[in-house]
Amino acid sequence: MTKEKNQPQEEEILKNEEGVANEAAQEENQTEETAQEETPAEELTVEEQLANMLAEAQQMVSEERDKYLRLSAEFDNYRKRTLKEKAELIKNGAEKTLTAILPVLDDFERALKNMEISEETKAMKEGVELIFSKFQKVLGQEGLQKIETDGKEFDTDFHEAIALIPAPSEDLKGKILDCVQTGYMLNDKVIRHSKVAVAQ
């Protein structure tokens, strides 16, 4: 009797276990199907993300390229403008100096005309000296300075020795005795060395 009573209970337990096993199997199948269904969706999302990233990168490259081309064009224009300005400076750099010298040229023209008429040499000499003085003053205003040589020590930074003369006395050794050609400086820069004879 006990066996017969226990038998239906055992059958029910077995059925329940089978049912639970079947439900578990069905849930696993559903999970696999869901996973299989979701996998393409995930792949599609990754592809979309990659496509978006690629589009952003292409846009960034396009913007940077545009900036580079603009900067390159601006620099090219700046370089051309600078070269043009430099060429104009070289071409017209002496304009200020030459304009300042023009009145001196006018004075020389007047002096030459007067020399044709007048025979008085003293007046002509005074006139030429005045023009020369005026000329030196104009050039001095432009920064031109004469390199002094009288009684100076020989200095290779300012002088060029073209002759060596025996010194008349010991204290004159190494000093300039005569200036053959005057040297000049422009704004403290030597533009022509004085050609001198030096005592040795």
Foldseek 3Di string as FASTA:
>chain_A
DVVVVVVVVVVVVVVVVVVVVVVVVVVVVVVVVVCVVCVVVVVVVVVVVVVVVVVVVVVVVVVVVVVVVVVVVVVVVVVVVVVVVVVVCVVCVCVVLVVLCVVLVVLVVVLVVVVVVDPDVVVSVVSVVVSVVSNVVSVVVQQKDWDDQVFAADDPQAADEPAEAADPDPVQARGFDAWPAIWMAGNNHTPGHTYTYGHD
